[in-house]
Amino acid sequence: MIIIKNNIFKKIQNKKKILIFTANWCNPCNILKKKIKKIEKKTKMLFFLINIDIHQNYAIELGIKIIPTIIFDFKKKKILSGLISTKDIIKEILLL
C-alpha cells in the first residue's frame, strides 16, 4: 500500500490503480486498511492510500463524500463506499 504524499497525483494519473480514500480518525477506514494489506499479498495489486484530511481538494474533485471509499476504475466510475467486505474488494479486482 502506498501512502500518497504531496503531488504524486500527476505521476499516477494515467496508470491503472486502486485508490482508497481514508482518514486516520475513521475507524471503518482503519479496519479496511488491515483488509487491504492482506488482499495486496494475495492479489499482487497495488493500492494507493489517500488521506482526505491532507488531500481535501483531490477528494472534492473526485466527488468523495463518504469514507472509506475505494475507486477501482475511473472510466466506468466503479466506486465502493462505506463498510466494504473483503469479498467485494476481491470481486472488483478480478473485474479489472
N, C-alpha and C. Protein backbone atom coordinates (compact mmCIF):
# COMPACT_ATOMS: atom_id res chain seq x y z
N MET A 1 0.85 -1.16 0.00
CA MET A 1 0.00 0.00 0.00
C MET A 1 0.90 1.23 0.00
N ILE A 2 0.62 2.15 -0.90
CA ILE A 2 1.41 3.37 -0.99
C ILE A 2 0.59 4.51 -0.41
N ILE A 3 1.19 5.23 0.53
CA ILE A 3 0.54 6.39 1.11
C ILE A 3 0.88 7.59 0.24
N ILE A 4 -0.15 8.23 -0.29
CA ILE A 4 0.04 9.35 -1.20
C ILE A 4 0.47 10.59 -0.42
N LYS A 5 1.56 11.19 -0.88
CA LYS A 5 2.07 12.43 -0.27
C LYS A 5 2.33 13.44 -1.38
N ASN A 6 2.19 14.69 -1.03
CA ASN A 6 2.49 15.80 -1.92
C ASN A 6 1.76 15.68 -3.25
N ASN A 7 2.44 15.99 -4.36
CA ASN A 7 1.79 16.00 -5.67
C ASN A 7 2.16 14.79 -6.51
N ILE A 8 1.99 13.61 -5.96
CA ILE A 8 2.26 12.39 -6.71
C ILE A 8 1.12 12.08 -7.68
N PHE A 9 0.00 12.80 -7.56
CA PHE A 9 -1.16 12.52 -8.39
C PHE A 9 -0.86 12.59 -9.88
N LYS A 10 -0.04 13.53 -10.30
CA LYS A 10 0.30 13.64 -11.72
C LYS A 10 1.05 12.40 -12.20
N LYS A 11 1.88 11.82 -11.35
CA LYS A 11 2.65 10.65 -11.73
C LYS A 11 1.78 9.41 -11.89
N ILE A 12 0.72 9.31 -11.10
CA ILE A 12 -0.12 8.11 -11.16
C ILE A 12 -1.39 8.31 -11.97
N GLN A 13 -1.57 9.50 -12.52
CA GLN A 13 -2.82 9.86 -13.18
C GLN A 13 -3.22 8.89 -14.29
N ASN A 14 -2.31 8.49 -15.14
CA ASN A 14 -2.65 7.63 -16.27
C ASN A 14 -2.33 6.16 -16.05
N LYS A 15 -2.04 5.79 -14.84
CA LYS A 15 -1.70 4.41 -14.54
C LYS A 15 -2.92 3.68 -13.99
N LYS A 16 -2.94 2.35 -14.19
CA LYS A 16 -4.00 1.54 -13.62
C LYS A 16 -3.78 1.50 -12.11
N LYS A 17 -4.83 1.86 -11.37
CA LYS A 17 -4.64 1.98 -9.93
C LYS A 17 -5.94 1.76 -9.18
N ILE A 18 -5.78 1.48 -7.91
CA ILE A 18 -6.91 1.40 -7.00
C ILE A 18 -6.64 2.43 -5.91
N LEU A 19 -7.53 3.39 -5.80
CA LEU A 19 -7.37 4.47 -4.83
C LEU A 19 -8.28 4.22 -3.63
N ILE A 20 -7.74 4.42 -2.45
CA ILE A 20 -8.51 4.27 -1.22
C ILE A 20 -8.48 5.59 -0.48
N PHE A 21 -9.64 6.19 -0.31
CA PHE A 21 -9.75 7.46 0.41
C PHE A 21 -10.11 7.16 1.86
N THR A 22 -9.25 7.64 2.78
CA THR A 22 -9.41 7.35 4.20
C THR A 22 -9.08 8.58 5.03
N ALA A 23 -9.17 8.40 6.34
CA ALA A 23 -8.69 9.40 7.30
C ALA A 23 -8.24 8.63 8.54
N ASN A 24 -7.25 9.16 9.22
CA ASN A 24 -6.70 8.47 10.40
C ASN A 24 -7.73 8.30 11.51
N TRP A 25 -8.67 9.21 11.63
CA TRP A 25 -9.66 9.18 12.70
C TRP A 25 -10.85 8.27 12.38
N CYS A 26 -10.90 7.73 11.19
CA CYS A 26 -12.04 6.93 10.71
C CYS A 26 -11.84 5.45 11.06
N ASN A 27 -12.63 4.93 12.00
CA ASN A 27 -12.49 3.53 12.41
C ASN A 27 -12.75 2.54 11.27
N PRO A 28 -13.83 2.69 10.47
CA PRO A 28 -14.00 1.78 9.34
C PRO A 28 -12.83 1.82 8.35
N CYS A 29 -12.21 3.00 8.22
CA CYS A 29 -11.03 3.13 7.34
C CYS A 29 -9.87 2.30 7.87
N ASN A 30 -9.66 2.35 9.17
CA ASN A 30 -8.56 1.60 9.78
C ASN A 30 -8.79 0.09 9.65
N ILE A 31 -10.03 -0.35 9.75
CA ILE A 31 -10.35 -1.76 9.53
C ILE A 31 -10.07 -2.13 8.08
N LEU A 32 -10.48 -1.25 7.16
CA LEU A 32 -10.26 -1.50 5.74
C LEU A 32 -8.77 -1.59 5.41
N LYS A 33 -7.95 -0.75 6.02
CA LYS A 33 -6.50 -0.78 5.76
C LYS A 33 -5.92 -2.15 6.09
N LYS A 34 -6.38 -2.76 7.17
CA LYS A 34 -5.90 -4.10 7.54
C LYS A 34 -6.32 -5.12 6.49
N LYS A 35 -7.55 -5.02 5.99
CA LYS A 35 -8.03 -5.92 4.95
C LYS A 35 -7.20 -5.76 3.68
N ILE A 36 -6.91 -4.51 3.33
CA ILE A 36 -6.17 -4.22 2.10
C ILE A 36 -4.77 -4.83 2.15
N LYS A 37 -4.11 -4.77 3.28
CA LYS A 37 -2.77 -5.37 3.40
C LYS A 37 -2.82 -6.85 3.07
N LYS A 38 -3.83 -7.56 3.54
CA LYS A 38 -3.97 -8.99 3.26
C LYS A 38 -4.30 -9.22 1.78
N ILE A 39 -5.17 -8.39 1.24
CA ILE A 39 -5.57 -8.53 -0.17
C ILE A 39 -4.39 -8.26 -1.08
N GLU A 40 -3.57 -7.27 -0.76
CA GLU A 40 -2.39 -6.96 -1.57
C GLU A 40 -1.48 -8.17 -1.69
N LYS A 41 -1.26 -8.86 -0.60
CA LYS A 41 -0.38 -10.03 -0.62
C LYS A 41 -0.94 -11.13 -1.51
N LYS A 42 -2.26 -11.30 -1.49
CA LYS A 42 -2.90 -12.37 -2.27
C LYS A 42 -3.01 -12.03 -3.74
N THR A 43 -3.26 -10.77 -4.07
CA THR A 43 -3.57 -10.40 -5.45
C THR A 43 -2.42 -9.73 -6.19
N LYS A 44 -1.42 -9.26 -5.50
CA LYS A 44 -0.29 -8.52 -6.10
C LYS A 44 -0.74 -7.20 -6.72
N MET A 45 -1.91 -6.73 -6.33
CA MET A 45 -2.39 -5.42 -6.81
C MET A 45 -1.80 -4.34 -5.92
N LEU A 46 -1.69 -3.15 -6.47
CA LEU A 46 -1.14 -2.03 -5.74
C LEU A 46 -2.25 -1.04 -5.41
N PHE A 47 -2.36 -0.70 -4.15
CA PHE A 47 -3.37 0.23 -3.68
C PHE A 47 -2.69 1.54 -3.26
N PHE A 48 -3.33 2.65 -3.56
CA PHE A 48 -2.84 3.96 -3.17
C PHE A 48 -3.75 4.51 -2.09
N LEU A 49 -3.19 4.79 -0.94
CA LEU A 49 -3.94 5.28 0.21
C LEU A 49 -3.89 6.81 0.23
N ILE A 50 -5.07 7.44 0.23
CA ILE A 50 -5.15 8.90 0.18
C ILE A 50 -5.89 9.40 1.42
N ASN A 51 -5.20 10.18 2.23
CA ASN A 51 -5.78 10.74 3.43
C ASN A 51 -6.55 12.01 3.05
N ILE A 52 -7.87 11.99 3.26
CA ILE A 52 -8.68 13.14 2.83
C ILE A 52 -8.42 14.39 3.66
N ASP A 53 -7.86 14.24 4.84
CA ASP A 53 -7.54 15.42 5.64
C ASP A 53 -6.36 16.18 5.04
N ILE A 54 -5.50 15.47 4.35
CA ILE A 54 -4.33 16.08 3.71
C ILE A 54 -4.66 16.49 2.28
N HIS A 55 -5.41 15.65 1.58
CA HIS A 55 -5.71 15.87 0.15
C HIS A 55 -7.19 16.15 -0.06
N GLN A 56 -7.71 17.14 0.63
CA GLN A 56 -9.12 17.50 0.53
C GLN A 56 -9.52 17.89 -0.89
N ASN A 57 -8.68 18.65 -1.56
CA ASN A 57 -9.01 19.12 -2.91
C ASN A 57 -9.18 17.97 -3.88
N TYR A 58 -8.32 16.97 -3.80
CA TYR A 58 -8.42 15.82 -4.69
C TYR A 58 -9.70 15.03 -4.40
N ALA A 59 -10.02 14.85 -3.13
CA ALA A 59 -11.25 14.14 -2.75
C ALA A 59 -12.48 14.89 -3.26
N ILE A 60 -12.47 16.20 -3.13
CA ILE A 60 -13.59 17.01 -3.61
C ILE A 60 -13.70 16.91 -5.13
N GLU A 61 -12.56 16.99 -5.81
CA GLU A 61 -12.53 16.91 -7.28
C GLU A 61 -13.15 15.61 -7.78
N LEU A 62 -12.93 14.52 -7.05
CA LEU A 62 -13.46 13.21 -7.45
C LEU A 62 -14.84 12.93 -6.86
N GLY A 63 -15.37 13.86 -6.10
CA GLY A 63 -16.71 13.69 -5.55
C GLY A 63 -16.80 12.74 -4.38
N ILE A 64 -15.72 12.58 -3.64
CA ILE A 64 -15.72 11.68 -2.48
C ILE A 64 -16.49 12.34 -1.34
N LYS A 65 -17.55 11.68 -0.90
CA LYS A 65 -18.38 12.23 0.18
C LYS A 65 -18.43 11.32 1.39
N ILE A 66 -18.07 10.06 1.21
CA ILE A 66 -18.11 9.07 2.29
C ILE A 66 -16.74 8.40 2.35
N ILE A 67 -16.27 8.14 3.57
CA ILE A 67 -15.04 7.36 3.71
C ILE A 67 -15.33 6.17 4.61
N PRO A 68 -14.68 5.06 4.37
CA PRO A 68 -13.73 4.85 3.29
C PRO A 68 -14.42 4.74 1.93
N THR A 69 -13.71 5.13 0.90
CA THR A 69 -14.15 4.96 -0.48
C THR A 69 -13.00 4.36 -1.28
N ILE A 70 -13.34 3.37 -2.10
CA ILE A 70 -12.35 2.76 -3.00
C ILE A 70 -12.79 3.03 -4.43
N ILE A 71 -11.87 3.54 -5.24
CA ILE A 71 -12.13 3.73 -6.67
C ILE A 71 -11.31 2.68 -7.41
N PHE A 72 -12.00 1.80 -8.14
CA PHE A 72 -11.36 0.73 -8.88
C PHE A 72 -11.12 1.09 -10.34
N ASP A 73 -12.04 1.78 -10.95
CA ASP A 73 -11.97 2.04 -12.38
C ASP A 73 -12.53 3.43 -12.67
N PHE A 74 -11.66 4.32 -13.12
CA PHE A 74 -12.09 5.69 -13.38
C PHE A 74 -13.02 5.79 -14.58
N LYS A 75 -12.76 5.00 -15.62
CA LYS A 75 -13.56 5.10 -16.84
C LYS A 75 -15.00 4.64 -16.61
N LYS A 76 -15.16 3.55 -15.89
CA LYS A 76 -16.50 3.02 -15.62
C LYS A 76 -17.08 3.59 -14.33
N LYS A 77 -16.29 4.39 -13.64
CA LYS A 77 -16.70 5.01 -12.37
C LYS A 77 -17.11 3.94 -11.35
N LYS A 78 -16.32 2.88 -11.25
CA LYS A 78 -16.61 1.82 -10.28
C LYS A 78 -16.08 2.23 -8.92
N ILE A 79 -17.00 2.51 -8.01
CA ILE A 79 -16.65 3.02 -6.69
C ILE A 79 -17.42 2.24 -5.63
N LEU A 80 -16.74 1.88 -4.55
CA LEU A 80 -17.38 1.29 -3.38
C LEU A 80 -17.12 2.22 -2.20
N SER A 81 -18.15 2.45 -1.39
CA SER A 81 -18.00 3.35 -0.24
C SER A 81 -18.63 2.74 1.00
N GLY A 82 -18.17 3.21 2.15
CA GLY A 82 -18.72 2.76 3.42
C GLY A 82 -18.07 1.48 3.89
N LEU A 83 -18.83 0.63 4.56
CA LEU A 83 -18.31 -0.65 5.04
C LEU A 83 -18.19 -1.59 3.85
N ILE A 84 -16.98 -1.98 3.53
CA ILE A 84 -16.71 -2.76 2.33
C ILE A 84 -16.12 -4.10 2.73
N SER A 85 -16.70 -5.17 2.20
CA SER A 85 -16.21 -6.51 2.56
C SER A 85 -15.00 -6.89 1.72
N THR A 86 -14.21 -7.78 2.25
CA THR A 86 -13.05 -8.31 1.52
C THR A 86 -13.52 -8.98 0.24
N LYS A 87 -14.61 -9.71 0.31
CA LYS A 87 -15.17 -10.41 -0.85
C LYS A 87 -15.50 -9.42 -1.98
N ASP A 88 -16.12 -8.29 -1.63
CA ASP A 88 -16.47 -7.29 -2.64
C ASP A 88 -15.22 -6.66 -3.26
N ILE A 89 -14.20 -6.43 -2.46
CA ILE A 89 -12.96 -5.85 -2.98
C ILE A 89 -12.31 -6.80 -3.98
N ILE A 90 -12.20 -8.07 -3.61
CA ILE A 90 -11.57 -9.06 -4.49
C ILE A 90 -12.40 -9.22 -5.76
N LYS A 91 -13.70 -9.23 -5.65
CA LYS A 91 -14.58 -9.33 -6.82
C LYS A 91 -14.29 -8.20 -7.81
N GLU A 92 -14.16 -6.99 -7.31
CA GLU A 92 -13.88 -5.85 -8.19
C GLU A 92 -12.48 -5.91 -8.80
N ILE A 93 -11.53 -6.40 -8.05
CA ILE A 93 -10.17 -6.56 -8.59
C ILE A 93 -10.18 -7.53 -9.75
N LEU A 94 -10.91 -8.62 -9.62
CA LEU A 94 -10.98 -9.62 -10.69
C LEU A 94 -11.64 -9.07 -11.95
N LEU A 95 -12.46 -8.06 -11.82
CA LEU A 95 -13.12 -7.45 -12.97
C LEU A 95 -12.25 -6.43 -13.70
N LEU A 96 -11.13 -6.04 -13.11
CA LEU A 96 -10.25 -5.04 -13.73
C LEU A 96 -9.58 -5.59 -14.96
